[in-house]
């Protein structure tokens, strides 16, 4: 999984309009493991154990999967993310869906962090 502050990429800042967020990309590539509910759990743990720790000032976490990727959208939903803007990357024949979750959803041991 890769991650970076949205503000570090001007193109993404313009597209997602949330420079304070931290963006991440993910790939769950083993088809034999698809459809078992592992994606949502993996994303939630990544946010909890990596993003919360590495980006203590980030108010939100963001992913922008291809709108046709229903499995990724479902995994993000199960991890606590909500769909927002649909964006059309330049010269692409598909749209991406910005999915965000506040850092407060990812407290230790699955709890919600304070305000």
N, C-alpha and C. Protein backbone atom coordinates (compact mmCIF):
# COMPACT_ATOMS: atom_id res chain seq x y z
N UNK A 1 0.85 -1.17 0.00
CA UNK A 1 0.00 0.00 0.00
C UNK A 1 0.90 1.24 0.00
N UNK A 2 0.59 2.16 -0.86
CA UNK A 2 1.33 3.41 -0.87
C UNK A 2 0.49 4.48 -0.18
N UNK A 3 1.16 5.50 0.33
CA UNK A 3 0.45 6.58 1.00
C UNK A 3 1.26 7.86 0.90
N UNK A 4 0.53 8.99 0.91
CA UNK A 4 1.18 10.29 0.82
C UNK A 4 0.16 11.37 1.17
N UNK A 5 0.64 12.51 1.69
CA UNK A 5 -0.28 13.62 1.93
C UNK A 5 -0.83 14.12 0.60
N UNK A 6 -2.11 14.40 0.55
CA UNK A 6 -2.72 14.92 -0.67
C UNK A 6 -1.98 16.18 -1.11
N UNK A 7 -1.58 17.03 -0.17
CA UNK A 7 -0.90 18.29 -0.50
C UNK A 7 0.41 18.08 -1.25
N UNK A 8 0.97 16.87 -1.21
CA UNK A 8 2.24 16.60 -1.89
C UNK A 8 2.08 16.43 -3.40
N UNK A 9 0.86 16.33 -3.88
CA UNK A 9 0.62 16.12 -5.30
C UNK A 9 -0.41 17.13 -5.78
N UNK A 10 0.04 18.18 -6.46
CA UNK A 10 -0.84 19.27 -6.86
C UNK A 10 -2.00 18.80 -7.73
N UNK A 11 -1.77 17.82 -8.59
CA UNK A 11 -2.84 17.29 -9.43
C UNK A 11 -3.95 16.70 -8.57
N UNK A 12 -3.57 15.96 -7.55
CA UNK A 12 -4.58 15.35 -6.67
C UNK A 12 -5.27 16.42 -5.83
N UNK A 13 -4.53 17.43 -5.38
CA UNK A 13 -5.14 18.52 -4.62
C UNK A 13 -6.28 19.14 -5.42
N UNK A 14 -6.01 19.41 -6.68
CA UNK A 14 -7.01 20.03 -7.55
C UNK A 14 -8.20 19.10 -7.74
N UNK A 15 -7.94 17.82 -7.92
CA UNK A 15 -9.03 16.87 -8.19
C UNK A 15 -9.88 16.56 -6.97
N UNK A 16 -9.27 16.34 -5.81
CA UNK A 16 -10.05 15.88 -4.66
C UNK A 16 -10.44 17.00 -3.70
N UNK A 17 -9.79 18.15 -3.82
CA UNK A 17 -10.16 19.34 -3.02
C UNK A 17 -10.09 19.09 -1.51
N UNK A 18 -9.10 18.34 -1.09
CA UNK A 18 -8.93 18.06 0.34
C UNK A 18 -7.44 17.96 0.68
N UNK A 19 -6.72 19.10 0.65
CA UNK A 19 -5.26 19.07 0.82
C UNK A 19 -4.79 18.60 2.20
N UNK A 20 -5.66 18.59 3.20
CA UNK A 20 -5.25 18.16 4.53
C UNK A 20 -5.29 16.64 4.69
N UNK A 21 -5.94 15.94 3.79
CA UNK A 21 -6.09 14.49 3.90
C UNK A 21 -4.80 13.76 3.52
N UNK A 22 -4.75 12.50 3.88
CA UNK A 22 -3.68 11.60 3.45
C UNK A 22 -4.31 10.58 2.52
N UNK A 23 -3.74 10.45 1.34
CA UNK A 23 -4.26 9.55 0.31
C UNK A 23 -3.50 8.23 0.36
N UNK A 24 -4.19 7.15 0.04
CA UNK A 24 -3.51 5.86 -0.07
C UNK A 24 -4.11 5.07 -1.22
N UNK A 25 -3.28 4.21 -1.77
CA UNK A 25 -3.68 3.28 -2.84
C UNK A 25 -3.49 1.88 -2.31
N UNK A 26 -4.29 0.96 -2.79
CA UNK A 26 -4.14 -0.41 -2.34
C UNK A 26 -4.47 -1.36 -3.48
N UNK A 27 -3.93 -2.56 -3.37
CA UNK A 27 -4.20 -3.62 -4.32
C UNK A 27 -4.27 -4.93 -3.55
N UNK A 28 -5.40 -5.57 -3.64
CA UNK A 28 -5.54 -6.90 -3.06
C UNK A 28 -5.63 -7.82 -4.27
N UNK A 29 -4.51 -8.42 -4.63
CA UNK A 29 -4.40 -9.04 -5.93
C UNK A 29 -4.69 -10.51 -6.06
N UNK A 30 -4.79 -11.25 -4.98
CA UNK A 30 -4.99 -12.69 -5.08
C UNK A 30 -6.48 -12.99 -5.28
N UNK A 31 -6.89 -13.37 -6.50
CA UNK A 31 -8.31 -13.64 -6.75
C UNK A 31 -8.89 -14.72 -5.85
N UNK A 32 -8.05 -15.64 -5.39
CA UNK A 32 -8.54 -16.71 -4.51
C UNK A 32 -8.99 -16.17 -3.16
N UNK A 33 -8.53 -14.99 -2.81
CA UNK A 33 -8.90 -14.41 -1.52
C UNK A 33 -9.98 -13.34 -1.65
N UNK A 34 -10.40 -13.05 -2.85
CA UNK A 34 -11.42 -12.03 -3.07
C UNK A 34 -12.77 -12.51 -2.55
N UNK A 35 -13.58 -11.58 -2.09
CA UNK A 35 -14.93 -11.90 -1.66
C UNK A 35 -15.05 -12.50 -0.28
N UNK A 36 -13.99 -12.47 0.50
CA UNK A 36 -14.02 -13.04 1.85
C UNK A 36 -14.14 -11.99 2.95
N UNK A 37 -14.22 -10.74 2.58
CA UNK A 37 -14.31 -9.68 3.58
C UNK A 37 -12.97 -9.26 4.15
N UNK A 38 -11.88 -9.72 3.55
CA UNK A 38 -10.55 -9.38 4.05
C UNK A 38 -10.17 -7.94 3.73
N UNK A 39 -10.65 -7.41 2.62
CA UNK A 39 -10.26 -6.08 2.18
C UNK A 39 -10.62 -4.99 3.17
N UNK A 40 -11.86 -4.99 3.64
CA UNK A 40 -12.29 -3.98 4.60
C UNK A 40 -11.49 -4.03 5.88
N UNK A 41 -11.26 -5.25 6.37
CA UNK A 41 -10.47 -5.41 7.60
C UNK A 41 -9.04 -4.95 7.39
N UNK A 42 -8.47 -5.28 6.23
CA UNK A 42 -7.09 -4.89 5.94
C UNK A 42 -6.96 -3.37 5.86
N UNK A 43 -7.90 -2.73 5.19
CA UNK A 43 -7.86 -1.27 5.06
C UNK A 43 -8.01 -0.60 6.43
N UNK A 44 -8.94 -1.07 7.24
CA UNK A 44 -9.13 -0.49 8.57
C UNK A 44 -7.87 -0.64 9.41
N UNK A 45 -7.23 -1.80 9.37
CA UNK A 45 -6.00 -2.01 10.14
C UNK A 45 -4.85 -1.17 9.60
N UNK A 46 -4.77 -1.01 8.30
CA UNK A 46 -3.74 -0.15 7.71
C UNK A 46 -3.92 1.28 8.20
N UNK A 47 -5.15 1.75 8.20
CA UNK A 47 -5.42 3.11 8.69
C UNK A 47 -5.04 3.22 10.17
N UNK A 48 -5.46 2.24 10.94
CA UNK A 48 -5.22 2.25 12.40
C UNK A 48 -3.74 2.15 12.74
N UNK A 49 -3.04 1.22 12.12
CA UNK A 49 -1.66 0.94 12.52
C UNK A 49 -0.60 1.75 11.77
N UNK A 50 -0.96 2.26 10.60
CA UNK A 50 0.04 2.99 9.80
C UNK A 50 -0.32 4.47 9.66
N UNK A 51 -1.48 4.76 9.08
CA UNK A 51 -1.79 6.16 8.80
C UNK A 51 -1.97 7.00 10.05
N UNK A 52 -2.69 6.49 11.05
CA UNK A 52 -2.88 7.25 12.29
C UNK A 52 -1.54 7.56 12.94
N UNK A 53 -0.63 6.59 12.89
CA UNK A 53 0.69 6.75 13.52
C UNK A 53 1.60 7.68 12.70
N UNK A 54 1.67 7.45 11.40
CA UNK A 54 2.60 8.22 10.56
C UNK A 54 2.13 9.64 10.25
N UNK A 55 0.83 9.88 10.32
CA UNK A 55 0.28 11.19 9.97
C UNK A 55 -0.62 11.68 11.11
N UNK A 56 -0.03 12.04 12.25
CA UNK A 56 -0.83 12.40 13.43
C UNK A 56 -1.69 13.65 13.26
N UNK A 57 -1.38 14.49 12.28
CA UNK A 57 -2.15 15.71 12.09
C UNK A 57 -3.18 15.61 10.96
N UNK A 58 -3.23 14.50 10.27
CA UNK A 58 -4.18 14.35 9.16
C UNK A 58 -5.59 14.15 9.71
N UNK A 59 -6.53 14.99 9.31
CA UNK A 59 -7.89 14.84 9.82
C UNK A 59 -8.70 13.75 9.12
N UNK A 60 -8.28 13.40 7.89
CA UNK A 60 -9.02 12.42 7.09
C UNK A 60 -8.06 11.57 6.29
N UNK A 61 -8.55 10.39 5.93
CA UNK A 61 -7.83 9.50 5.02
C UNK A 61 -8.69 9.34 3.78
N UNK A 62 -8.04 9.21 2.63
CA UNK A 62 -8.74 9.23 1.35
C UNK A 62 -8.18 8.17 0.41
N UNK A 63 -9.07 7.51 -0.29
CA UNK A 63 -8.71 6.62 -1.39
C UNK A 63 -9.62 6.97 -2.55
N UNK A 64 -9.15 6.75 -3.77
CA UNK A 64 -9.95 7.11 -4.95
C UNK A 64 -9.89 5.97 -5.98
N UNK A 65 -10.62 4.89 -5.72
CA UNK A 65 -10.60 3.77 -6.68
C UNK A 65 -11.40 4.08 -7.94
N UNK A 66 -11.13 3.32 -8.96
CA UNK A 66 -11.89 3.36 -10.20
C UNK A 66 -13.36 3.07 -9.84
N UNK A 67 -14.26 3.89 -10.37
CA UNK A 67 -15.68 3.74 -10.05
C UNK A 67 -16.24 2.39 -10.47
N UNK A 68 -15.58 1.71 -11.39
CA UNK A 68 -16.05 0.39 -11.84
C UNK A 68 -15.61 -0.72 -10.89
N UNK A 69 -14.75 -0.41 -9.94
CA UNK A 69 -14.19 -1.43 -9.04
C UNK A 69 -15.08 -1.57 -7.81
N UNK A 70 -16.15 -2.31 -7.96
CA UNK A 70 -17.14 -2.46 -6.89
C UNK A 70 -16.56 -3.15 -5.66
N UNK A 71 -15.61 -4.04 -5.85
CA UNK A 71 -15.01 -4.72 -4.69
C UNK A 71 -14.20 -3.74 -3.84
N UNK A 72 -13.44 -2.88 -4.48
CA UNK A 72 -12.68 -1.88 -3.71
C UNK A 72 -13.62 -0.91 -3.01
N UNK A 73 -14.65 -0.48 -3.70
CA UNK A 73 -15.62 0.42 -3.08
C UNK A 73 -16.30 -0.24 -1.89
N UNK A 74 -16.62 -1.53 -2.02
CA UNK A 74 -17.22 -2.27 -0.91
C UNK A 74 -16.27 -2.42 0.27
N UNK A 75 -15.01 -2.71 -0.02
CA UNK A 75 -14.02 -2.85 1.05
C UNK A 75 -13.84 -1.52 1.79
N UNK A 76 -13.80 -0.43 1.06
CA UNK A 76 -13.68 0.88 1.70
C UNK A 76 -14.91 1.18 2.56
N UNK A 77 -16.08 0.86 2.05
CA UNK A 77 -17.32 1.07 2.82
C UNK A 77 -17.27 0.28 4.13
N UNK A 78 -16.86 -0.99 4.05
CA UNK A 78 -16.78 -1.83 5.25
C UNK A 78 -15.74 -1.31 6.24
N UNK A 79 -14.72 -0.62 5.74
CA UNK A 79 -13.68 -0.06 6.61
C UNK A 79 -14.10 1.28 7.22
N UNK A 80 -15.27 1.79 6.83
CA UNK A 80 -15.76 3.03 7.41
C UNK A 80 -15.65 4.26 6.53
N UNK A 81 -15.33 4.07 5.26
CA UNK A 81 -15.20 5.19 4.33
C UNK A 81 -16.54 5.50 3.68
N UNK A 82 -16.72 6.77 3.34
CA UNK A 82 -17.93 7.21 2.63
C UNK A 82 -17.55 7.75 1.27
N UNK A 83 -18.40 7.46 0.28
CA UNK A 83 -18.15 7.96 -1.07
C UNK A 83 -18.46 9.44 -1.15
N UNK A 84 -17.65 10.14 -1.96
CA UNK A 84 -17.84 11.57 -2.15
C UNK A 84 -17.78 11.92 -3.63
N UNK A 85 -16.87 12.82 -3.98
CA UNK A 85 -16.73 13.31 -5.35
C UNK A 85 -16.43 12.18 -6.32
N UNK A 86 -17.02 12.27 -7.49
CA UNK A 86 -16.60 11.46 -8.64
C UNK A 86 -15.72 12.37 -9.47
N UNK A 87 -14.52 11.90 -9.81
CA UNK A 87 -13.59 12.72 -10.58
C UNK A 87 -13.17 11.98 -11.84
N UNK A 88 -12.93 12.74 -12.87
CA UNK A 88 -12.53 12.18 -14.16
C UNK A 88 -11.07 12.54 -14.42
N UNK A 89 -10.14 11.58 -14.25
CA UNK A 89 -8.74 11.89 -14.55
C UNK A 89 -8.58 12.28 -16.02
N UNK A 90 -7.67 13.20 -16.26
CA UNK A 90 -7.43 13.66 -17.62
C UNK A 90 -7.06 12.50 -18.53
N UNK A 91 -7.68 12.44 -19.70
CA UNK A 91 -7.43 11.43 -20.73
C UNK A 91 -7.78 10.01 -20.29
N UNK A 92 -8.59 9.86 -19.25
CA UNK A 92 -8.99 8.52 -18.81
C UNK A 92 -10.41 8.23 -19.28
N UNK A 93 -10.70 6.97 -19.51
CA UNK A 93 -12.05 6.58 -19.93
C UNK A 93 -12.87 6.07 -18.75
N UNK A 94 -12.49 6.43 -17.55
CA UNK A 94 -13.19 5.99 -16.35
C UNK A 94 -13.18 7.14 -15.33
N UNK A 95 -14.03 7.02 -14.35
CA UNK A 95 -14.06 7.98 -13.24
C UNK A 95 -13.50 7.31 -11.99
N UNK A 96 -13.02 8.13 -11.08
CA UNK A 96 -12.61 7.65 -9.77
C UNK A 96 -13.60 8.19 -8.74
N UNK A 97 -13.78 7.47 -7.66
CA UNK A 97 -14.67 7.90 -6.59
C UNK A 97 -13.81 8.22 -5.37
N UNK A 98 -13.90 9.45 -4.88
CA UNK A 98 -13.15 9.77 -3.67
C UNK A 98 -13.91 9.20 -2.48
N UNK A 99 -13.22 8.44 -1.68
CA UNK A 99 -13.79 7.83 -0.48
C UNK A 99 -12.97 8.32 0.71
N UNK A 100 -13.65 8.90 1.70
CA UNK A 100 -12.93 9.45 2.84
C UNK A 100 -13.49 8.90 4.15
N UNK A 101 -12.62 8.91 5.15
CA UNK A 101 -13.01 8.55 6.52
C UNK A 101 -12.22 9.44 7.47
N UNK A 102 -12.87 9.93 8.52
CA UNK A 102 -12.14 10.72 9.50
C UNK A 102 -11.21 9.83 10.31
N UNK A 103 -10.06 10.35 10.69
CA UNK A 103 -9.08 9.56 11.44
C UNK A 103 -9.69 9.01 12.72
N UNK A 104 -10.69 9.69 13.28
CA UNK A 104 -11.32 9.25 14.52
C UNK A 104 -11.96 7.88 14.46
N UNK A 105 -12.21 7.36 13.27
CA UNK A 105 -12.79 6.02 13.14
C UNK A 105 -11.79 4.92 13.44
N UNK A 106 -10.51 5.27 13.55
CA UNK A 106 -9.48 4.24 13.61
C UNK A 106 -8.68 4.30 14.91
N UNK A 107 -9.37 4.12 16.02
CA UNK A 107 -8.71 4.08 17.32
C UNK A 107 -8.08 2.72 17.58
N UNK A 108 -7.32 2.60 18.66
CA UNK A 108 -6.69 1.31 18.98
C UNK A 108 -7.74 0.24 19.26
N UNK A 109 -7.43 -0.97 18.92
CA UNK A 109 -8.31 -2.11 19.17
C UNK A 109 -9.69 -1.95 18.55
N UNK A 110 -9.76 -1.21 17.45
CA UNK A 110 -11.03 -1.05 16.75
C UNK A 110 -11.93 0.01 17.34
N UNK A 111 -11.48 0.69 18.39
CA UNK A 111 -12.30 1.72 19.00
C UNK A 111 -12.23 3.00 18.17
N UNK A 112 -13.11 3.92 18.48
CA UNK A 112 -13.10 5.21 17.82
C UNK A 112 -12.24 6.16 18.64
N UNK A 113 -11.39 6.91 17.96
CA UNK A 113 -10.56 7.89 18.65
C UNK A 113 -11.43 9.03 19.16
N UNK A 114 -10.92 9.77 20.10
CA UNK A 114 -11.65 10.92 20.65
C UNK A 114 -11.85 12.00 19.60
N UNK A 115 -12.41 13.15 19.99
CA UNK A 115 -12.75 14.21 19.04
C UNK A 115 -11.67 14.66 18.17
